[in-house]
Amino acid sequence: MTTSNIKAWANTRETSHEIAEAIFELANNDETLAQKIWEEGNDEVLPIAFAKTKEDYLFWGEEKIDRKNV
């Protein structure tokens, strides 16, 4: 999946782009598996996502995630 498609996927789910990128990395760009990870969660996503940004907060849907809690 292209970066612009991942960003669109993230936007429709109100999720930070970094989290979406991390999800797709873990899912090996499999959109079905990515959706499952997004719905069920995965402890590996957040460290990867925060490594992609200097932001202190990211959003996974409606959930606000603080870097210091990762």
Protein backbone atom coordinates (compact mmCIF):
# COMPACT_ATOMS: atom_id res chain seq x y z
CA MET A 1 0.00 0.00 0.00
CA THR A 2 1.36 3.43 -0.88
CA THR A 3 2.06 6.11 1.70
CA SER A 4 -0.84 8.22 0.45
CA ASN A 5 -3.18 5.23 0.69
CA ILE A 6 -2.00 4.52 4.24
CA LYS A 7 -2.63 8.16 5.17
CA ALA A 8 -6.14 7.97 3.70
CA TRP A 9 -6.72 4.71 5.61
CA ALA A 10 -5.55 6.44 8.81
CA ASN A 11 -7.72 9.49 8.21
CA THR A 12 -10.90 7.43 7.81
CA ARG A 13 -10.13 5.77 11.15
CA GLU A 14 -9.12 9.02 12.89
CA THR A 15 -5.74 7.46 13.57
CA SER A 16 -2.30 9.06 13.50
CA HIS A 17 -0.40 8.37 10.29
CA GLU A 18 2.56 7.01 12.26
CA ILE A 19 0.35 4.39 13.91
CA ALA A 20 -1.13 3.42 10.55
CA GLU A 21 2.34 3.10 9.03
CA ALA A 22 3.47 0.90 11.93
CA ILE A 23 0.36 -1.26 11.60
CA PHE A 24 0.99 -1.79 7.89
CA GLU A 25 4.65 -2.62 8.57
CA LEU A 26 3.61 -5.32 11.02
CA ALA A 27 0.92 -6.55 8.61
CA ASN A 28 3.39 -6.68 5.70
CA ASN A 29 1.06 -4.33 3.77
CA ASP A 30 -1.86 -6.78 4.05
CA GLU A 31 -4.90 -4.52 4.45
CA THR A 32 -7.07 -7.27 5.96
CA LEU A 33 -4.46 -8.03 8.61
CA ALA A 34 -3.89 -4.30 9.17
CA GLN A 35 -7.59 -3.83 9.87
CA LYS A 36 -7.50 -6.72 12.34
CA ILE A 37 -4.48 -5.20 14.12
CA TRP A 38 -6.21 -1.81 14.23
CA GLU A 39 -9.38 -3.35 15.72
CA GLU A 40 -7.71 -5.71 18.21
CA GLY A 41 -4.51 -3.82 19.03
CA ASN A 42 -0.94 -5.05 19.10
CA ASP A 43 1.77 -4.14 21.62
CA GLU A 44 4.40 -3.89 18.88
CA VAL A 45 2.68 -0.99 17.07
CA LEU A 46 3.29 1.87 19.49
CA PRO A 47 7.10 1.69 19.83
CA ILE A 48 7.39 1.61 16.03
CA ALA A 49 4.94 4.50 15.64
CA PHE A 50 6.63 6.74 18.21
CA ALA A 51 10.02 6.03 16.60
CA LYS A 52 8.64 7.75 13.48
CA THR A 53 7.85 11.06 15.21
CA LYS A 54 8.86 13.49 17.92
CA GLU A 55 5.21 14.03 18.93
CA ASP A 56 4.30 13.30 22.55
CA TYR A 57 0.80 12.07 21.67
CA LEU A 58 -0.65 9.90 18.91
CA PHE A 59 -4.22 8.82 18.27
CA TRP A 60 -5.51 5.29 17.68
CA GLY A 61 -9.09 6.06 16.76
CA GLU A 62 -10.55 7.97 19.69
CA GLU A 63 -7.79 6.84 22.07
CA LYS A 64 -5.06 9.41 22.79
CA ILE A 65 -1.77 7.68 23.53
CA ASP A 66 0.98 9.42 25.49
CA ARG A 67 4.58 8.62 24.55
CA LYS A 68 5.56 8.37 28.24
CA ASN A 69 3.12 5.46 28.67
CA VAL A 70 4.72 3.39 25.91
